[in-house]
Amino acid sequence: MRKGIITLFLLASLAFGGQAFAHTPLCDCFDNGDGTVSCEGGFSDGSSASGVGMTVKDGSGNVLTQGSMNEYSEFTFDKPEGDYQVVFDAGEGHSVVVNGSDIVE
């Protein structure tokens, strides 16, 4: 009986294991050099990020601005002063955090 459970688990892992990695969120942000920052997002399977929630937080975690990716999977906001981070949030297990210090022109 135990061998059957292990076999079932292995078969399920093979059948569904690839799906866990097929939809990895991707987000990249860059400084436009004009006081704004733009982010582009998507998923590793080529899916659009249109409508995905975006949040910009200051160094203390306070929300500075919120919005969502547009129909082109882009989000642009005014660059905050000081430390900040951008959160691409497509749901549980599908979020990306980009630190402001990593965003360059």
C-alpha atoms as a PDB file:
ATOM      1  CA  MET A   1       0.000   0.000   0.000  1.00  0.00           C
ATOM      2  CA  ARG A   2       2.788   2.391   0.834  1.00  0.00           C
ATOM      3  CA  LYS A   3       4.451   1.692  -2.509  1.00  0.00           C
ATOM      4  CA  GLY A   4       1.177   2.614  -4.245  1.00  0.00           C
ATOM      5  CA  ILE A   5       1.018   5.957  -2.448  1.00  0.00           C
ATOM      6  CA  ILE A   6       4.624   6.756  -3.387  1.00  0.00           C
ATOM      7  CA  THR A   7       3.947   5.805  -7.013  1.00  0.00           C
ATOM      8  CA  LEU A   8       0.816   7.953  -7.057  1.00  0.00           C
ATOM      9  CA  PHE A   9       2.755  10.885  -5.601  1.00  0.00           C
ATOM     10  CA  LEU A  10       5.522  10.525  -8.202  1.00  0.00           C
ATOM     11  CA  LEU A  11       3.033  10.352 -11.054  1.00  0.00           C
ATOM     12  CA  ALA A  12       1.198  13.426  -9.781  1.00  0.00           C
ATOM     13  CA  SER A  13       4.503  15.282  -9.445  1.00  0.00           C
ATOM     14  CA  LEU A  14       5.419  14.483 -13.021  1.00  0.00           C
ATOM     15  CA  ALA A  15       1.976  15.376 -14.331  1.00  0.00           C
ATOM     16  CA  PHE A  16       1.562  18.663 -12.495  1.00  0.00           C
ATOM     17  CA  GLY A  17       5.089  19.639 -11.441  1.00  0.00           C
ATOM     18  CA  GLY A  18       5.831  21.631 -14.589  1.00  0.00           C
ATOM     19  CA  GLN A  19       2.695  23.710 -14.154  1.00  0.00           C
ATOM     20  CA  ALA A  20       4.054  25.141 -10.918  1.00  0.00           C
ATOM     21  CA  PHE A  21       6.858  26.774 -12.892  1.00  0.00           C
ATOM     22  CA  ALA A  22       4.947  27.598 -16.076  1.00  0.00           C
ATOM     23  CA  HIS A  23       3.500  30.828 -14.758  1.00  0.00           C
ATOM     24  CA  THR A  24       6.413  32.580 -13.019  1.00  0.00           C
ATOM     25  CA  PRO A  25       5.821  36.334 -12.584  1.00  0.00           C
ATOM     26  CA  LEU A  26       8.320  38.716 -14.166  1.00  0.00           C
ATOM     27  CA  CYS A  27       8.699  42.431 -13.490  1.00  0.00           C
ATOM     28  CA  ASP A  28      11.420  44.892 -14.437  1.00  0.00           C
ATOM     29  CA  CYS A  29      11.484  48.611 -13.630  1.00  0.00           C
ATOM     30  CA  PHE A  30      13.642  51.424 -14.970  1.00  0.00           C
ATOM     31  CA  ASP A  31      14.158  55.119 -14.255  1.00  0.00           C
ATOM     32  CA  ASN A  32      12.960  57.196 -17.217  1.00  0.00           C
ATOM     33  CA  GLY A  33      15.291  60.066 -16.280  1.00  0.00           C
ATOM     34  CA  ASP A  34      12.389  62.530 -16.142  1.00  0.00           C
ATOM     35  CA  GLY A  35      11.239  61.963 -12.554  1.00  0.00           C
ATOM     36  CA  THR A  36       9.165  58.902 -13.422  1.00  0.00           C
ATOM     37  CA  VAL A  37       9.731  55.151 -13.219  1.00  0.00           C
ATOM     38  CA  SER A  38       8.237  52.590 -15.608  1.00  0.00           C
ATOM     39  CA  CYS A  39       7.738  48.896 -14.932  1.00  0.00           C
ATOM     40  CA  GLU A  40       7.016  46.133 -17.412  1.00  0.00           C
ATOM     41  CA  GLY A  41       5.539  42.827 -16.317  1.00  0.00           C
ATOM     42  CA  GLY A  42       4.405  39.477 -17.574  1.00  0.00           C
ATOM     43  CA  PHE A  43       4.667  35.778 -16.935  1.00  0.00           C
ATOM     44  CA  SER A  44       7.187  33.183 -18.032  1.00  0.00           C
ATOM     45  CA  ASP A  45       4.563  31.427 -20.155  1.00  0.00           C
ATOM     46  CA  GLY A  46       4.036  34.623 -22.192  1.00  0.00           C
ATOM     47  CA  SER A  47       0.820  35.656 -20.440  1.00  0.00           C
ATOM     48  CA  SER A  48      -0.027  39.340 -20.198  1.00  0.00           C
ATOM     49  CA  ALA A  49       0.181  41.150 -16.876  1.00  0.00           C
ATOM     50  CA  SER A  50      -2.608  43.549 -17.822  1.00  0.00           C
ATOM     51  CA  GLY A  51      -4.607  44.362 -14.690  1.00  0.00           C
ATOM     52  CA  VAL A  52      -2.006  43.039 -12.237  1.00  0.00           C
ATOM     53  CA  GLY A  53      -1.879  45.167  -9.090  1.00  0.00           C
ATOM     54  CA  MET A  54       1.110  47.429  -8.514  1.00  0.00           C
ATOM     55  CA  THR A  55       2.011  49.102  -5.218  1.00  0.00           C
ATOM     56  CA  VAL A  56       4.815  51.554  -4.480  1.00  0.00           C
ATOM     57  CA  LYS A  57       5.892  51.659  -0.820  1.00  0.00           C
ATOM     58  CA  ASP A  58       8.323  53.899   1.021  1.00  0.00           C
ATOM     59  CA  GLY A  59      11.185  52.554   3.134  1.00  0.00           C
ATOM     60  CA  SER A  60       8.845  52.155   6.117  1.00  0.00           C
ATOM     61  CA  GLY A  61       6.314  50.112   4.140  1.00  0.00           C
ATOM     62  CA  ASN A  62       3.763  52.913   3.784  1.00  0.00           C
ATOM     63  CA  VAL A  63       1.838  52.860   0.502  1.00  0.00           C
ATOM     64  CA  LEU A  64       2.784  55.816  -1.696  1.00  0.00           C
ATOM     65  CA  THR A  65       0.754  54.887  -4.766  1.00  0.00           C
ATOM     66  CA  GLN A  66      -1.257  51.981  -6.126  1.00  0.00           C
ATOM     67  CA  GLY A  67      -2.483  51.060  -9.548  1.00  0.00           C
ATOM     68  CA  SER A  68      -2.368  48.250 -12.052  1.00  0.00           C
ATOM     69  CA  MET A  69      -0.557  47.241 -15.216  1.00  0.00           C
ATOM     70  CA  ASN A  70      -2.167  48.747 -18.325  1.00  0.00           C
ATOM     71  CA  GLU A  71      -3.188  46.812 -21.447  1.00  0.00           C
ATOM     72  CA  TYR A  72       0.483  46.756 -22.522  1.00  0.00           C
ATOM     73  CA  SER A  73       1.578  45.265 -19.155  1.00  0.00           C
ATOM     74  CA  GLU A  74       3.205  48.570 -18.154  1.00  0.00           C
ATOM     75  CA  PHE A  75       2.928  50.776 -15.061  1.00  0.00           C
ATOM     76  CA  THR A  76       4.458  54.262 -14.715  1.00  0.00           C
ATOM     77  CA  PHE A  77       4.634  56.355 -11.536  1.00  0.00           C
ATOM     78  CA  ASP A  78       6.381  59.442 -10.141  1.00  0.00           C
ATOM     79  CA  LYS A  79       9.731  58.479  -8.648  1.00  0.00           C
ATOM     80  CA  PRO A  80       9.611  58.850  -4.852  1.00  0.00           C
ATOM     81  CA  GLU A  81      12.315  60.541  -2.821  1.00  0.00           C
ATOM     82  CA  GLY A  82      14.384  58.227  -0.615  1.00  0.00           C
ATOM     83  CA  ASP A  83      14.068  54.469  -0.237  1.00  0.00           C
ATOM     84  CA  TYR A  84      11.149  52.732  -1.907  1.00  0.00           C
ATOM     85  CA  GLN A  85      10.082  49.440  -3.410  1.00  0.00           C
ATOM     86  CA  VAL A  86       7.668  48.384  -6.121  1.00  0.00           C
ATOM     87  CA  VAL A  87       5.433  45.350  -5.624  1.00  0.00           C
ATOM     88  CA  PHE A  88       4.009  43.454  -8.609  1.00  0.00           C
ATOM     89  CA  ASP A  89       1.195  41.409  -7.041  1.00  0.00           C
ATOM     90  CA  ALA A  90      -0.583  38.820  -9.181  1.00  0.00           C
ATOM     91  CA  GLY A  91      -1.802  36.834  -6.181  1.00  0.00           C
ATOM     92  CA  GLU A  92      -0.446  34.276  -3.772  1.00  0.00           C
ATOM     93  CA  GLY A  93       2.922  32.985  -4.911  1.00  0.00           C
ATOM     94  CA  HIS A  94       2.940  35.356  -7.877  1.00  0.00           C
ATOM     95  CA  SER A  95       4.532  38.543  -6.618  1.00  0.00           C
ATOM     96  CA  VAL A  96       7.770  40.332  -7.357  1.00  0.00           C
ATOM     97  CA  VAL A  97       9.377  43.038  -5.208  1.00  0.00           C
ATOM     98  CA  VAL A  98      11.772  45.467  -6.895  1.00  0.00           C
ATOM     99  CA  ASN A  99      13.874  47.678  -4.622  1.00  0.00           C
ATOM    100  CA  GLY A 100      14.186  51.293  -5.695  1.00  0.00           C
ATOM    101  CA  SER A 101      17.980  51.099  -5.338  1.00  0.00           C
ATOM    102  CA  ASP A 102      17.974  48.505  -8.137  1.00  0.00           C
ATOM    103  CA  ILE A 103      16.038  50.752 -10.542  1.00  0.00           C
ATOM    104  CA  VAL A 104      18.407  52.634 -12.860  1.00  0.00           C
ATOM    105  CA  GLU A 105      18.202  54.582 -16.122  1.00  0.00           C
END
